[in-house]
C-alpha atoms as a PDB file:
ATOM      1  CA  UNK A   1     112.360 103.053 109.717  1.00  0.00           C
ATOM      2  CA  UNK A   2     109.509 100.968 111.084  1.00  0.00           C
ATOM      3  CA  UNK A   3     109.253 103.476 113.935  1.00  0.00           C
ATOM      4  CA  UNK A   4     108.682 106.314 111.484  1.00  0.00           C
ATOM      5  CA  UNK A   5     105.995 104.326 109.677  1.00  0.00           C
ATOM      6  CA  UNK A   6     104.366 103.452 112.981  1.00  0.00           C
ATOM      7  CA  UNK A   7     104.428 107.083 114.034  1.00  0.00           C
ATOM      8  CA  UNK A   8     102.753 108.194 110.809  1.00  0.00           C
ATOM      9  CA  UNK A   9     100.161 105.430 111.192  1.00  0.00           C
ATOM     10  CA  UNK A  10      99.316 106.673 114.695  1.00  0.00           C
ATOM     11  CA  UNK A  11      98.931 110.236 113.448  1.00  0.00           C
ATOM     12  CA  UNK A  12      96.991 109.396 110.305  1.00  0.00           C
ATOM     13  CA  UNK A  13      93.230 109.033 110.468  1.00  0.00           C
ATOM     14  CA  UNK A  14      92.931 108.358 106.729  1.00  0.00           C
ATOM     15  CA  UNK A  15      92.174 104.636 106.175  1.00  0.00           C
ATOM     16  CA  UNK A  16      93.571 104.654 102.656  1.00  0.00           C
ATOM     17  CA  UNK A  17      96.762 106.287 103.942  1.00  0.00           C
ATOM     18  CA  UNK A  18      97.106 103.617 106.631  1.00  0.00           C
ATOM     19  CA  UNK A  19      96.671 100.822 104.083  1.00  0.00           C
ATOM     20  CA  UNK A  20      99.208 102.428 101.766  1.00  0.00           C
ATOM     21  CA  UNK A  21     101.668 102.863 104.650  1.00  0.00           C
ATOM     22  CA  UNK A  22     101.268  99.225 105.747  1.00  0.00           C
ATOM     23  CA  UNK A  23     101.680  97.984 102.183  1.00  0.00           C
ATOM     24  CA  UNK A  24     104.815 100.072 101.608  1.00  0.00           C
ATOM     25  CA  UNK A  25     106.270  98.979 104.953  1.00  0.00           C
ATOM     26  CA  UNK A  26     105.561  95.317 104.231  1.00  0.00           C
ATOM     27  CA  UNK A  27     107.061  95.486 100.760  1.00  0.00           C
ATOM     28  CA  UNK A  28     110.140  97.273 102.071  1.00  0.00           C
ATOM     29  CA  UNK A  29     110.612  94.595 104.711  1.00  0.00           C
ATOM     30  CA  UNK A  30     110.123  91.750 102.230  1.00  0.00           C
ATOM     31  CA  UNK A  31     111.948  93.416  99.319  1.00  0.00           C
ATOM     32  CA  UNK A  32     115.269  91.526  99.670  1.00  0.00           C
ATOM     33  CA  UNK A  33     113.371  88.221  99.769  1.00  0.00           C
ATOM     34  CA  UNK A  34     111.271  89.127  96.708  1.00  0.00           C
ATOM     35  CA  UNK A  35     114.356  90.089  94.729  1.00  0.00           C
ATOM     36  CA  UNK A  36     116.551  87.183  95.804  1.00  0.00           C
ATOM     37  CA  UNK A  37     114.000  84.430  95.257  1.00  0.00           C
ATOM     38  CA  UNK A  38     112.821  85.893  91.930  1.00  0.00           C
ATOM     39  CA  UNK A  39     116.217  87.013  90.613  1.00  0.00           C
ATOM     40  CA  UNK A  40     115.871  84.956  87.442  1.00  0.00           C
ATOM     41  CA  UNK A  41     112.486  86.437  86.544  1.00  0.00           C
ATOM     42  CA  UNK A  42     113.100  88.982  83.796  1.00  0.00           C
ATOM     43  CA  UNK A  43     111.757  92.443  84.564  1.00  0.00           C
ATOM     44  CA  UNK A  44     110.472  91.651  88.055  1.00  0.00           C
ATOM     45  CA  UNK A  45     113.088  93.708  89.853  1.00  0.00           C
ATOM     46  CA  UNK A  46     112.410  96.756  87.699  1.00  0.00           C
ATOM     47  CA  UNK A  47     108.701  96.306  88.278  1.00  0.00           C
ATOM     48  CA  UNK A  48     109.274  96.115  92.058  1.00  0.00           C
ATOM     49  CA  UNK A  49     111.257  99.353  92.004  1.00  0.00           C
ATOM     50  CA  UNK A  50     108.655 101.185  89.945  1.00  0.00           C
ATOM     51  CA  UNK A  51     105.853  99.895  92.191  1.00  0.00           C
ATOM     52  CA  UNK A  52     107.661 100.970  95.373  1.00  0.00           C
ATOM     53  CA  UNK A  53     108.508 104.396  93.974  1.00  0.00           C
ATOM     54  CA  UNK A  54     104.919 104.969  92.835  1.00  0.00           C
ATOM     55  CA  UNK A  55     103.511 103.789  96.157  1.00  0.00           C
ATOM     56  CA  UNK A  56     105.942 106.076  97.940  1.00  0.00           C
ATOM     57  CA  UNK A  57     104.669 109.123  96.013  1.00  0.00           C
ATOM     58  CA  UNK A  58     101.028 108.100  96.614  1.00  0.00           C
ATOM     59  CA  UNK A  59     101.780 107.760 100.328  1.00  0.00           C
ATOM     60  CA  UNK A  60     103.335 111.232 100.423  1.00  0.00           C
ATOM     61  CA  UNK A  61     100.289 112.717  98.719  1.00  0.00           C
ATOM     62  CA  UNK A  62      97.898 110.966 101.117  1.00  0.00           C
ATOM     63  CA  UNK A  63      99.860 112.197 104.137  1.00  0.00           C
ATOM     64  CA  UNK A  64     100.074 115.703 102.633  1.00  0.00           C
ATOM     65  CA  UNK A  65     103.558 116.248 104.023  1.00  0.00           C
ATOM     66  CA  UNK A  66     105.857 118.459 101.953  1.00  0.00           C
ATOM     67  CA  UNK A  67     108.935 116.734 103.365  1.00  0.00           C
ATOM     68  CA  UNK A  68     107.464 113.311 102.570  1.00  0.00           C
ATOM     69  CA  UNK A  69     106.563 114.383  99.044  1.00  0.00           C
ATOM     70  CA  UNK A  70     110.076 115.724  98.464  1.00  0.00           C
ATOM     71  CA  UNK A  71     111.665 112.503  99.727  1.00  0.00           C
ATOM     72  CA  UNK A  72     109.273 110.357  97.679  1.00  0.00           C
ATOM     73  CA  UNK A  73     109.867 112.320  94.472  1.00  0.00           C
ATOM     74  CA  UNK A  74     113.621 112.118  95.100  1.00  0.00           C
ATOM     75  CA  UNK A  75     113.355 108.338  95.509  1.00  0.00           C
ATOM     76  CA  UNK A  76     111.291 108.117  92.305  1.00  0.00           C
ATOM     77  CA  UNK A  77     113.911 110.197  90.448  1.00  0.00           C
ATOM     78  CA  UNK A  78     116.846 108.133  91.785  1.00  0.00           C
ATOM     79  CA  UNK A  79     115.129 104.855  90.935  1.00  0.00           C
ATOM     80  CA  UNK A  80     114.290 106.102  87.425  1.00  0.00           C
ATOM     81  CA  UNK A  81     117.906 107.185  86.883  1.00  0.00           C
ATOM     82  CA  UNK A  82     119.211 103.826  88.137  1.00  0.00           C
ATOM     83  CA  UNK A  83     116.825 101.932  85.853  1.00  0.00           C
ATOM     84  CA  UNK A  84     117.979 104.047  82.917  1.00  0.00           C
ATOM     85  CA  UNK A  85     121.722 103.788  83.657  1.00  0.00           C
ATOM     86  CA  UNK A  86     121.934 100.199  84.879  1.00  0.00           C
ATOM     87  CA  UNK A  87     118.707  98.197  84.758  1.00  0.00           C
ATOM     88  CA  UNK A  88     120.498  94.947  85.600  1.00  0.00           C
ATOM     89  CA  UNK A  89     121.573  96.060  89.090  1.00  0.00           C
ATOM     90  CA  UNK A  90     119.218  98.977  89.804  1.00  0.00           C
ATOM     91  CA  UNK A  91     116.938  96.799  91.913  1.00  0.00           C
ATOM     92  CA  UNK A  92     119.783  96.068  94.318  1.00  0.00           C
ATOM     93  CA  UNK A  93     120.103  99.748  95.258  1.00  0.00           C
ATOM     94  CA  UNK A  94     116.709 100.019  96.962  1.00  0.00           C
ATOM     95  CA  UNK A  95     118.055  99.247 100.469  1.00  0.00           C
ATOM     96  CA  UNK A  96     120.792 101.846  99.907  1.00  0.00           C
ATOM     97  CA  UNK A  97     118.214 104.441  98.868  1.00  0.00           C
ATOM     98  CA  UNK A  98     116.004 103.671 101.872  1.00  0.00           C
ATOM     99  CA  UNK A  99     118.904 103.928 104.322  1.00  0.00           C
ATOM    100  CA  UNK A 100     120.116 107.211 102.859  1.00  0.00           C
ATOM    101  CA  UNK A 101     116.566 108.605 102.811  1.00  0.00           C
ATOM    102  CA  UNK A 102     116.012 107.749 106.478  1.00  0.00           C
ATOM    103  CA  UNK A 103     119.431 109.197 107.398  1.00  0.00           C
ATOM    104  CA  UNK A 104     118.630 112.413 105.529  1.00  0.00           C
ATOM    105  CA  UNK A 105     115.197 112.708 107.115  1.00  0.00           C
ATOM    106  CA  UNK A 106     116.543 112.065 110.618  1.00  0.00           C
ATOM    107  CA  UNK A 107     119.433 114.472 109.983  1.00  0.00           C
ATOM    108  CA  UNK A 108     117.003 117.099 108.712  1.00  0.00           C
ATOM    109  CA  UNK A 109     115.056 116.841 111.973  1.00  0.00           C
ATOM    110  CA  UNK A 110     118.264 117.467 113.915  1.00  0.00           C
ATOM    111  CA  UNK A 111     118.733 120.756 112.057  1.00  0.00           C
ATOM    112  CA  UNK A 112     115.040 121.660 112.194  1.00  0.00           C
ATOM    113  CA  UNK A 113     113.676 120.274 115.494  1.00  0.00           C
ATOM    114  CA  UNK A 114     111.879 118.415 116.895  1.00  0.00           C
ATOM    115  CA  UNK A 115     114.094 115.428 116.122  1.00  0.00           C
ATOM    116  CA  UNK A 116     112.555 112.292 114.639  1.00  0.00           C
ATOM    117  CA  UNK A 117     113.021 110.283 117.836  1.00  0.00           C
ATOM    118  CA  UNK A 118     111.574 113.156 119.898  1.00  0.00           C
ATOM    119  CA  UNK A 119     108.452 113.074 117.716  1.00  0.00           C
ATOM    120  CA  UNK A 120     108.079 109.345 118.349  1.00  0.00           C
ATOM    121  CA  UNK A 121     108.725 109.772 122.093  1.00  0.00           C
ATOM    122  CA  UNK A 122     106.094 112.519 122.338  1.00  0.00           C
ATOM    123  CA  UNK A 123     103.537 110.263 120.642  1.00  0.00           C
ATOM    124  CA  UNK A 124     104.257 107.510 123.148  1.00  0.00           C
ATOM    125  CA  UNK A 125     104.721 109.371 126.414  1.00  0.00           C
ATOM    126  CA  UNK A 126     103.532 112.956 125.834  1.00  0.00           C
ATOM    127  CA  UNK A 127     105.658 115.853 127.014  1.00  0.00           C
ATOM    128  CA  UNK A 128     109.414 115.590 127.453  1.00  0.00           C
ATOM    129  CA  UNK A 129     111.649 117.579 129.760  1.00  0.00           C
ATOM    130  CA  UNK A 130     114.929 119.150 128.565  1.00  0.00           C
ATOM    131  CA  UNK A 131     116.876 116.009 129.522  1.00  0.00           C
ATOM    132  CA  UNK A 132     114.499 113.875 127.433  1.00  0.00           C
ATOM    133  CA  UNK A 133     114.746 116.224 124.453  1.00  0.00           C
ATOM    134  CA  UNK A 134     118.548 116.198 124.631  1.00  0.00           C
ATOM    135  CA  UNK A 135     118.559 112.397 124.872  1.00  0.00           C
ATOM    136  CA  UNK A 136     116.221 111.975 121.867  1.00  0.00           C
ATOM    137  CA  UNK A 137     118.487 114.248 119.793  1.00  0.00           C
ATOM    138  CA  UNK A 138     121.455 112.007 120.623  1.00  0.00           C
ATOM    139  CA  UNK A 139     119.495 108.874 119.720  1.00  0.00           C
ATOM    140  CA  UNK A 140     118.415 110.486 116.433  1.00  0.00           C
ATOM    141  CA  UNK A 141     122.083 111.219 115.677  1.00  0.00           C
ATOM    142  CA  UNK A 142     122.994 107.582 116.403  1.00  0.00           C
ATOM    143  CA  UNK A 143     120.308 106.465 113.924  1.00  0.00           C
ATOM    144  CA  UNK A 144     121.690 108.864 111.285  1.00  0.00           C
ATOM    145  CA  UNK A 145     125.148 107.302 111.680  1.00  0.00           C
ATOM    146  CA  UNK A 146     123.675 103.785 111.671  1.00  0.00           C
ATOM    147  CA  UNK A 147     121.704 104.432 108.464  1.00  0.00           C
ATOM    148  CA  UNK A 148     124.725 105.900 106.671  1.00  0.00           C
ATOM    149  CA  UNK A 149     126.927 102.940 107.674  1.00  0.00           C
ATOM    150  CA  UNK A 150     124.098 100.583 106.659  1.00  0.00           C
ATOM    151  CA  UNK A 151     123.867 102.290 103.249  1.00  0.00           C
ATOM    152  CA  UNK A 152     127.630 101.986 102.771  1.00  0.00           C
ATOM    153  CA  UNK A 153     127.631  98.273 103.625  1.00  0.00           C
ATOM    154  CA  UNK A 154     124.589  97.685 101.388  1.00  0.00           C
ATOM    155  CA  UNK A 155     126.438  99.416  98.578  1.00  0.00           C
ATOM    156  CA  UNK A 156     129.508  97.256  99.195  1.00  0.00           C
ATOM    157  CA  UNK A 157     127.372  94.119  98.870  1.00  0.00           C
ATOM    158  CA  UNK A 158     126.309  95.346  95.419  1.00  0.00           C
ATOM    159  CA  UNK A 159     129.906  96.024  94.397  1.00  0.00           C
ATOM    160  CA  UNK A 160     130.881  92.500  95.537  1.00  0.00           C
ATOM    161  CA  UNK A 161     128.605  91.247  92.738  1.00  0.00           C
ATOM    162  CA  UNK A 162     127.340  88.343  94.835  1.00  0.00           C
ATOM    163  CA  UNK A 163     123.559  88.201  95.228  1.00  0.00           C
ATOM    164  CA  UNK A 164     123.763  85.731  98.116  1.00  0.00           C
ATOM    165  CA  UNK A 165     125.851  88.192 100.155  1.00  0.00           C
ATOM    166  CA  UNK A 166     123.511  91.037  99.108  1.00  0.00           C
ATOM    167  CA  UNK A 167     120.508  89.042 100.301  1.00  0.00           C
ATOM    168  CA  UNK A 168     122.203  87.901 103.509  1.00  0.00           C
ATOM    169  CA  UNK A 169     123.137  91.439 104.537  1.00  0.00           C
ATOM    170  CA  UNK A 170     120.068  93.333 103.280  1.00  0.00           C
ATOM    171  CA  UNK A 171     117.509  90.663 104.107  1.00  0.00           C
ATOM    172  CA  UNK A 172     118.835  89.341 107.408  1.00  0.00           C
ATOM    173  CA  UNK A 173     121.858  91.047 108.958  1.00  0.00           C
ATOM    174  CA  UNK A 174     120.763  94.685 108.553  1.00  0.00           C
ATOM    175  CA  UNK A 175     117.348  93.950 110.102  1.00  0.00           C
ATOM    176  CA  UNK A 176     119.069  92.140 112.959  1.00  0.00           C
ATOM    177  CA  UNK A 177     121.380  95.116 113.526  1.00  0.00           C
ATOM    178  CA  UNK A 178     118.402  97.489 113.511  1.00  0.00           C
ATOM    179  CA  UNK A 179     116.681  95.311 116.074  1.00  0.00           C
ATOM    180  CA  UNK A 180     119.810  95.235 118.233  1.00  0.00           C
ATOM    181  CA  UNK A 181     120.163  99.022 118.092  1.00  0.00           C
ATOM    182  CA  UNK A 182     116.484  99.546 118.864  1.00  0.00           C
ATOM    183  CA  UNK A 183     116.366  97.051 121.741  1.00  0.00           C
ATOM    184  CA  UNK A 184     119.761  98.134 123.090  1.00  0.00           C
ATOM    185  CA  UNK A 185     118.663 101.750 123.212  1.00  0.00           C
ATOM    186  CA  UNK A 186     115.370 100.762 124.849  1.00  0.00           C
ATOM    187  CA  UNK A 187     117.129  98.733 127.559  1.00  0.00           C
ATOM    188  CA  UNK A 188     119.668 101.499 128.147  1.00  0.00           C
ATOM    189  CA  UNK A 189     116.889 104.080 128.470  1.00  0.00           C
ATOM    190  CA  UNK A 190     114.831 101.942 130.862  1.00  0.00           C
ATOM    191  CA  UNK A 191     117.560 100.426 133.060  1.00  0.00           C
ATOM    192  CA  UNK A 192     120.405 102.938 133.022  1.00  0.00           C
ATOM    193  CA  UNK A 193     118.664 106.277 132.502  1.00  0.00           C
ATOM    194  CA  UNK A 194     115.403 105.120 134.109  1.00  0.00           C
ATOM    195  CA  UNK A 195     113.349 107.248 131.679  1.00  0.00           C
END
């Protein structure tokens, strides 16, 4: 997810768009901490969700991407529905929504190339040969699977009805697993494939 934000930041020349992207990225990263340590504050979690959804739509408008606008409006709709149906636990679903959104976006790029990881690779190292394109498609697929499994585990932590476990997984473990996947893929690419 941070890779996608970084990629958009590199592409975007709009200062306001960059600030919005950094703010949304920072809030997403800190979200589990904000929720866990303010869980007794009435209305804060709903406010966080509304703020994130609004910022997400503003970001999509600033970046003028139809796919980004569609994803952002979908997130806004899902968050609104969750707040309406179950305001007491709606705030816990944000990590699930983010994981599913990233999985859908990455999956979409597999159907309609270039893949998400190929886009990032081209920003970093320019042109790719057929072997590189094939490899980036496989890595994108791995991230789709990872994000779907991450969403399922995040959802299970909600169903467990234990905010400490929710915080531990969504605020610590999932970020650690993302880091392991990212660094493991990087090491594999550099040492084994020598790309």
